[in-house]
Amino acid sequence: MKTDKLLQTRITSGRWTLPVVVMLFALTWGLTSWSLSSATDVPDVQQGTQLWQTICGWLPCEWMERLIGFLIYIGIGYLLIGLNNRFAIVRLRASIQTTIYLILITACPMLYLLNLGSVAALALTVSFFFLFNSYQNPQGTGNLFHAFFCIGLGSVFLPQLLLLVPLFMLEVHRFGALSPRGFFAALIGVLLPYGLLLEYAFFYGRLELFYEPFRQLITPGQFFHFEVLTSWQWVMLLILSAWFITSTVHCFTAIYEDKIQTRSYLRFFIDLSFCLLVFIVLQPQHCNNLLPLLMVSVSVLSGHFFALTHSQASNTFFIVSGAVLMLLFGYNLWTLL
């Protein structure tokens, strides 16, 4: 079978794929948002740190929270396009990674509301630009400062993001960008948001705002508490795990086809996805907050896989995955109505 006749090829290379997916995302978001308030397993936007609750309290109405959540996901999708155009992770100037990310979010209406995970995913995605700019540049302390500042800023709302700091340090070393000045620049970048938070908390006499992220991080909670996971979370984790494994195998088997710099970026996303999956396995109660982050990294890996493979097996895998996501969306929608 010719590769241009494969459904996978036509969709991944089609110029109208992304606009259609964006319209479908907007349509499903608009049609299902009204029912989210009655869902029992939707993440409550008022959960999280007291700072997060304070910020949510500034929003005038629930629809504003939903609109901001929608715009954050669209913003992440736009950044993923810029990330590929800037660093050529997928050799084609493709937007397939954004398409995949929006499809994954579309399949999970429970994540439509403004939540900690979406904000943390936005901060994480922005950090990629500065981190990748530091590649083979030991003098690029500014890039390291901004990359780790994004991580620190996101961790103010989702403290578990701090667990990724050692991984980022390891990747900076692999990129050949770690130096004593770079290390301290990264350290200052992580700590600066907390310095600003301490100043705000001290000024308003609410020091608990500063202590709470650290208290949440060092409180281990329950490990392997899988009974808290709902059916849709299990299905989504299985899909993301299958895509992660398949994409990782493809990256290692076809590694000679990419430049050395691109291989380093792909290795970063492999390590990031693996760490996020481990975090979810260890503490499933944070699944809703970590899923948007995991979707970002897996979308890049699976976008690389689906855009650059043209076999009958990959085409079948693509179709089956799409069918499962459609069934998952239908099931989630049915549970909300």
Protein backbone atom coordinates (compact mmCIF):
# COMPACT_ATOMS: atom_id res chain seq x y z
CA MET A 1 0.00 0.00 0.00
CA LYS A 2 1.32 3.44 -0.90
CA THR A 3 2.12 5.59 2.11
CA ASP A 4 0.09 8.53 0.80
CA LYS A 5 -3.02 6.33 0.92
CA LEU A 6 -2.63 5.49 4.59
CA LEU A 7 -5.12 7.25 6.84
CA GLN A 8 -2.30 8.00 9.26
CA THR A 9 -0.31 9.81 6.58
CA ARG A 10 -3.27 11.79 5.27
CA ILE A 11 -4.21 13.00 8.74
CA THR A 12 -0.72 13.76 10.07
CA SER A 13 0.31 15.66 6.94
CA GLY A 14 -3.04 17.25 6.13
CA ARG A 15 -3.11 21.04 6.22
CA TRP A 16 -6.69 21.07 7.56
CA THR A 17 -6.14 18.58 10.38
CA LEU A 18 -5.20 21.10 13.06
CA PRO A 19 -7.95 23.66 12.22
CA VAL A 20 -10.56 20.90 12.30
CA VAL A 21 -9.30 19.62 15.65
CA VAL A 22 -9.27 23.14 17.11
CA MET A 23 -12.87 23.69 15.99
CA LEU A 24 -13.92 20.32 17.41
CA PHE A 25 -12.18 21.15 20.70
CA ALA A 26 -13.94 24.52 20.88
CA LEU A 27 -17.28 22.94 20.00
CA THR A 28 -17.05 20.12 22.53
CA TRP A 29 -15.79 22.53 25.18
CA GLY A 30 -18.76 24.80 24.62
CA LEU A 31 -21.34 22.00 24.50
CA THR A 32 -20.12 20.15 27.59
CA SER A 33 -19.04 22.98 29.89
CA TRP A 34 -22.55 23.50 31.21
CA SER A 35 -22.66 19.94 32.56
CA LEU A 36 -19.26 19.93 34.26
CA SER A 37 -20.52 21.55 37.44
CA SER A 38 -22.69 18.51 38.17
CA ALA A 39 -19.97 15.93 37.54
CA THR A 40 -18.73 14.13 40.61
CA ASP A 41 -15.20 13.41 39.39
CA VAL A 42 -14.32 16.79 37.93
CA PRO A 43 -11.30 18.35 39.65
CA ASP A 44 -12.46 21.21 41.83
CA VAL A 45 -10.80 24.47 40.83
CA GLN A 46 -10.82 25.49 44.48
CA GLN A 47 -8.55 22.61 45.48
CA GLY A 48 -4.83 23.16 45.85
CA THR A 49 -2.86 25.68 47.84
CA GLN A 50 -4.43 28.66 49.54
CA LEU A 51 -2.71 30.89 46.97
CA TRP A 52 -4.50 29.00 44.20
CA GLN A 53 -7.82 29.38 46.01
CA THR A 54 -7.17 33.11 46.42
CA ILE A 55 -6.45 33.54 42.71
CA CYS A 56 -9.56 31.55 41.75
CA GLY A 57 -11.56 33.72 44.13
CA TRP A 58 -10.62 36.79 42.09
CA LEU A 59 -12.41 35.41 39.04
CA PRO A 60 -15.91 36.87 38.79
CA CYS A 61 -17.80 33.78 37.62
CA GLU A 62 -17.48 30.07 36.83
CA TRP A 63 -17.59 30.69 33.08
CA MET A 64 -14.49 32.85 33.40
CA GLU A 65 -12.68 29.91 34.99
CA ARG A 66 -13.76 27.64 32.13
CA LEU A 67 -12.75 30.19 29.49
CA ILE A 68 -9.30 30.67 31.02
CA GLY A 69 -8.86 26.89 31.12
CA PHE A 70 -9.76 26.71 27.42
CA LEU A 71 -7.33 29.51 26.52
CA ILE A 72 -4.51 27.86 28.48
CA TYR A 73 -4.87 24.64 26.48
CA ILE A 74 -4.96 26.59 23.21
CA GLY A 75 -1.87 28.48 24.37
CA ILE A 76 -0.03 25.23 25.10
CA GLY A 77 -0.95 23.94 21.65
CA TYR A 78 0.41 27.13 20.05
CA LEU A 79 3.64 26.84 22.03
CA LEU A 80 4.10 23.23 20.90
CA ILE A 81 3.95 24.42 17.27
CA GLY A 82 6.56 27.08 18.02
CA LEU A 83 8.70 24.52 19.83
CA ASN A 84 8.81 22.27 16.79
CA ASN A 85 9.39 25.12 14.34
CA ARG A 86 12.22 26.45 16.50
CA PHE A 87 14.02 23.20 17.30
CA ALA A 88 12.84 20.88 14.49
CA ILE A 89 11.98 17.99 16.81
CA VAL A 90 9.82 16.58 14.03
CA ARG A 91 11.79 16.92 10.79
CA LEU A 92 8.64 18.02 9.00
CA ARG A 93 7.37 21.43 10.02
CA ALA A 94 4.34 19.61 11.37
CA SER A 95 1.71 20.58 13.88
CA ILE A 96 0.85 16.97 14.67
CA GLN A 97 2.05 17.30 18.28
CA THR A 98 -0.46 20.09 18.89
CA THR A 99 -3.19 18.09 17.16
CA ILE A 100 -2.52 15.11 19.40
CA TYR A 101 -2.44 17.23 22.55
CA LEU A 102 -5.80 18.87 21.82
CA ILE A 103 -7.34 15.50 20.93
CA LEU A 104 -6.18 14.07 24.26
CA ILE A 105 -7.66 17.03 26.15
CA THR A 106 -10.87 16.83 24.11
CA ALA A 107 -11.33 13.20 25.14
CA CYS A 108 -11.29 14.24 28.83
CA PRO A 109 -14.04 16.83 29.52
CA MET A 110 -13.20 16.49 33.22
CA LEU A 111 -10.04 18.49 32.50
CA TYR A 112 -11.79 21.36 30.72
CA LEU A 113 -12.12 23.44 33.88
CA LEU A 114 -9.28 25.65 35.05
CA ASN A 115 -7.06 23.39 37.14
CA LEU A 116 -3.61 23.20 38.64
CA GLY A 117 -2.39 20.75 36.02
CA SER A 118 -3.13 23.03 33.07
CA VAL A 119 -1.31 25.98 34.68
CA ALA A 120 1.68 23.77 35.54
CA ALA A 121 1.68 22.35 31.99
CA LEU A 122 1.81 25.88 30.57
CA ALA A 123 4.78 26.78 32.78
CA LEU A 124 6.51 23.51 31.85
CA THR A 125 6.01 24.08 28.12
CA VAL A 126 7.46 27.60 28.30
CA SER A 127 10.49 26.22 30.15
CA PHE A 128 11.28 23.93 27.18
CA PHE A 129 12.21 26.92 24.99
CA PHE A 130 14.82 28.22 27.44
CA LEU A 131 16.09 24.74 28.28
CA PHE A 132 16.62 23.79 24.63
CA ASN A 133 18.22 27.16 23.90
CA SER A 134 20.92 26.25 26.41
CA TYR A 135 22.05 23.27 24.33
CA GLN A 136 25.87 23.17 24.06
CA ASN A 137 26.06 26.66 25.56
CA PRO A 138 27.74 26.65 29.01
CA GLN A 139 27.63 30.46 28.99
CA GLY A 140 23.86 30.57 28.54
CA THR A 141 23.10 31.25 32.20
CA GLY A 142 20.15 33.44 31.25
CA ASN A 143 18.40 30.54 29.53
CA LEU A 144 18.90 28.31 32.56
CA PHE A 145 17.63 31.00 34.89
CA HIS A 146 14.43 31.45 32.87
CA ALA A 147 13.89 27.69 32.39
CA PHE A 148 14.10 27.00 36.11
CA PHE A 149 12.15 30.13 36.95
CA CYS A 150 9.24 28.66 34.98
CA ILE A 151 9.55 25.42 36.94
CA GLY A 152 9.64 27.33 40.23
CA LEU A 153 6.69 29.47 39.24
CA GLY A 154 4.61 26.45 38.28
CA SER A 155 5.57 24.67 41.50
CA VAL A 156 4.13 27.51 43.57
CA PHE A 157 0.73 26.22 42.43
CA LEU A 158 1.63 22.53 41.93
CA PRO A 159 4.45 21.71 44.39
CA GLN A 160 5.06 18.30 42.76
CA LEU A 161 6.68 20.17 39.88
CA LEU A 162 9.73 20.68 42.10
CA LEU A 163 10.39 16.95 41.80
CA LEU A 164 11.38 17.59 38.17
CA VAL A 165 14.24 19.92 39.13
CA PRO A 166 16.82 17.06 39.47
CA LEU A 167 15.73 15.75 36.07
CA PHE A 168 16.17 19.18 34.50
CA MET A 169 19.63 19.46 36.07
CA LEU A 170 20.57 16.07 34.62
CA GLU A 171 19.32 17.10 31.18
CA VAL A 172 21.25 20.38 31.34
CA HIS A 173 24.37 18.31 32.03
CA ARG A 174 23.58 16.08 29.04
CA PHE A 175 23.09 19.15 26.89
CA GLY A 176 26.61 20.24 27.79
CA ALA A 177 25.31 23.45 29.33
CA LEU A 178 25.98 22.90 33.04
CA SER A 179 28.61 25.12 34.61
CA PRO A 180 29.03 26.54 38.12
CA ARG A 181 27.44 29.82 37.02
CA GLY A 182 24.66 27.96 35.25
CA PHE A 183 23.97 25.83 38.32
CA PHE A 184 23.55 28.87 40.56
CA ALA A 185 21.52 30.67 37.90
CA ALA A 186 19.16 27.70 37.80
CA LEU A 187 18.99 27.59 41.60
CA ILE A 188 18.16 31.30 41.79
CA GLY A 189 15.53 30.83 39.08
CA VAL A 190 13.76 28.11 41.08
CA LEU A 191 13.89 30.07 44.33
CA LEU A 192 12.91 33.49 42.96
CA PRO A 193 9.13 32.76 42.75
CA TYR A 194 9.23 31.64 46.37
CA GLY A 195 11.06 34.81 47.33
CA LEU A 196 8.30 36.85 45.70
CA LEU A 197 5.69 34.68 47.40
CA LEU A 198 7.38 35.20 50.78
CA GLU A 199 7.35 38.97 50.26
CA TYR A 200 3.65 38.91 49.37
CA ALA A 201 2.79 36.60 52.30
CA PHE A 202 4.78 38.72 54.77
CA PHE A 203 3.24 41.98 53.55
CA TYR A 204 -0.33 40.67 53.96
CA GLY A 205 0.43 38.73 57.15
CA ARG A 206 -0.33 35.34 55.57
CA LEU A 207 2.90 33.40 55.94
CA GLU A 208 0.97 30.14 55.55
CA LEU A 209 0.86 30.92 51.82
CA PHE A 210 4.65 30.51 51.74
CA TYR A 211 4.83 27.42 53.94
CA GLU A 212 1.99 25.49 52.31
CA PRO A 213 3.72 24.36 49.05
CA PHE A 214 6.63 22.90 51.03
CA ARG A 215 4.25 21.27 53.52
CA GLN A 216 2.33 19.63 50.68
CA LEU A 217 5.54 18.43 49.04
CA ILE A 218 7.08 16.83 52.14
CA THR A 219 3.77 15.25 53.21
CA PRO A 220 4.03 11.90 51.44
CA GLY A 221 0.36 10.96 51.55
CA GLN A 222 -0.67 7.49 50.41
CA PHE A 223 1.41 5.55 47.91
CA PHE A 224 -0.05 3.19 45.29
CA HIS A 225 -3.55 4.39 46.20
CA PHE A 226 -4.98 3.11 42.90
CA GLU A 227 -8.57 2.91 44.10
CA VAL A 228 -8.86 6.68 43.69
CA LEU A 229 -8.42 6.35 39.92
CA THR A 230 -11.61 6.42 37.88
CA SER A 231 -12.25 4.35 34.77
CA TRP A 232 -11.52 7.22 32.36
CA GLN A 233 -8.20 7.90 34.08
CA TRP A 234 -7.20 4.25 33.74
CA VAL A 235 -8.02 4.27 30.02
CA MET A 236 -6.15 7.53 29.43
CA LEU A 237 -3.10 6.27 31.32
CA LEU A 238 -3.12 3.06 29.27
CA ILE A 239 -3.29 5.06 26.02
CA LEU A 240 -0.49 7.41 27.08
CA SER A 241 1.63 4.48 28.27
CA ALA A 242 1.14 2.62 24.98
CA TRP A 243 2.04 5.73 22.97
CA PHE A 244 5.04 6.39 25.20
CA ILE A 245 6.40 2.86 24.86
CA THR A 246 5.82 2.72 21.09
CA SER A 247 7.33 6.16 20.50
CA THR A 248 10.33 5.37 22.71
CA VAL A 249 11.05 2.15 20.83
CA HIS A 250 10.80 4.05 17.55
CA CYS A 251 13.16 6.77 18.79
CA PHE A 252 15.83 4.22 19.70
CA THR A 253 15.44 2.04 16.61
CA ALA A 254 15.41 4.96 14.16
CA ILE A 255 17.81 7.15 16.10
CA TYR A 256 20.23 7.41 13.16
CA GLU A 257 17.61 9.36 11.17
CA ASP A 258 17.71 12.38 13.51
CA LYS A 259 20.44 14.87 14.25
CA ILE A 260 22.38 14.51 17.49
CA GLN A 261 20.71 17.64 18.88
CA THR A 262 17.25 16.30 18.06
CA ARG A 263 18.12 13.00 19.72
CA SER A 264 18.97 14.89 22.91
CA TYR A 265 15.61 16.66 22.85
CA LEU A 266 13.75 13.40 22.27
CA ARG A 267 15.70 11.73 25.09
CA PHE A 268 14.59 14.58 27.35
CA PHE A 269 10.92 13.97 26.54
CA ILE A 270 11.39 10.23 27.09
CA ASP A 271 12.91 10.85 30.53
CA LEU A 272 10.24 13.42 31.38
CA SER A 273 7.38 11.12 30.37
CA PHE A 274 8.86 8.24 32.34
CA CYS A 275 9.25 10.37 35.48
CA LEU A 276 5.68 11.66 35.25
CA LEU A 277 4.34 8.13 34.83
CA VAL A 278 6.33 7.04 37.89
CA PHE A 279 4.93 9.98 39.90
CA ILE A 280 1.38 8.99 38.95
CA VAL A 281 2.00 5.34 39.84
CA LEU A 282 3.46 6.32 43.21
CA GLN A 283 0.71 8.80 44.10
CA PRO A 284 -2.36 8.29 41.89
CA GLN A 285 -4.26 10.95 43.85
CA HIS A 286 -2.33 13.55 41.83
CA CYS A 287 -3.35 12.01 38.50
CA ASN A 288 -5.66 14.84 37.40
CA ASN A 289 -2.95 17.43 38.02
CA LEU A 290 -0.16 15.44 36.35
CA LEU A 291 -2.11 14.26 33.29
CA PRO A 292 -1.88 17.60 31.41
CA LEU A 293 1.90 17.57 31.92
CA LEU A 294 2.21 13.97 30.77
CA MET A 295 0.05 14.73 27.73
CA VAL A 296 2.48 17.47 26.66
CA SER A 297 5.57 15.25 26.66
CA VAL A 298 3.81 12.21 25.17
CA SER A 299 2.26 14.39 22.45
CA VAL A 300 5.71 15.41 21.25
CA LEU A 301 6.98 11.81 21.25
CA SER A 302 3.90 10.36 19.58
CA GLY A 303 3.85 13.24 17.09
CA HIS A 304 7.40 12.31 16.12
CA PHE A 305 6.34 8.68 15.78
CA PHE A 306 3.11 9.16 13.80
CA ALA A 307 4.58 11.81 11.48
CA LEU A 308 7.67 9.80 10.52
CA THR A 309 6.36 6.23 10.31
CA HIS A 310 4.41 5.02 7.29
CA SER A 311 3.81 1.31 7.78
CA GLN A 312 0.63 -0.72 7.83
CA ALA A 313 1.26 -1.59 11.49
CA SER A 314 1.62 2.05 12.55
CA ASN A 315 -1.46 2.96 10.52
CA THR A 316 -3.49 0.27 12.33
CA PHE A 317 -2.15 1.43 15.68
CA PHE A 318 -3.10 5.01 14.76
CA ILE A 319 -6.66 4.04 13.83
CA VAL A 320 -7.19 1.88 16.92
CA SER A 321 -5.87 4.65 19.18
CA GLY A 322 -8.19 7.17 17.57
CA ALA A 323 -11.17 4.84 17.96
CA VAL A 324 -10.38 4.29 21.65
CA LEU A 325 -10.14 8.04 22.23
CA MET A 326 -13.50 8.57 20.53
CA LEU A 327 -15.08 5.88 22.70
CA LEU A 328 -13.46 7.41 25.78
CA PHE A 329 -14.88 10.82 24.92
CA GLY A 330 -18.33 9.31 24.39
CA TYR A 331 -18.12 7.50 27.72
CA ASN A 332 -16.95 10.63 29.57
CA LEU A 333 -19.71 12.69 27.98
CA TRP A 334 -22.29 10.07 28.92
CA THR A 335 -21.16 10.12 32.57
CA LEU A 336 -21.51 13.91 32.68
CA LEU A 337 -25.02 14.07 31.22
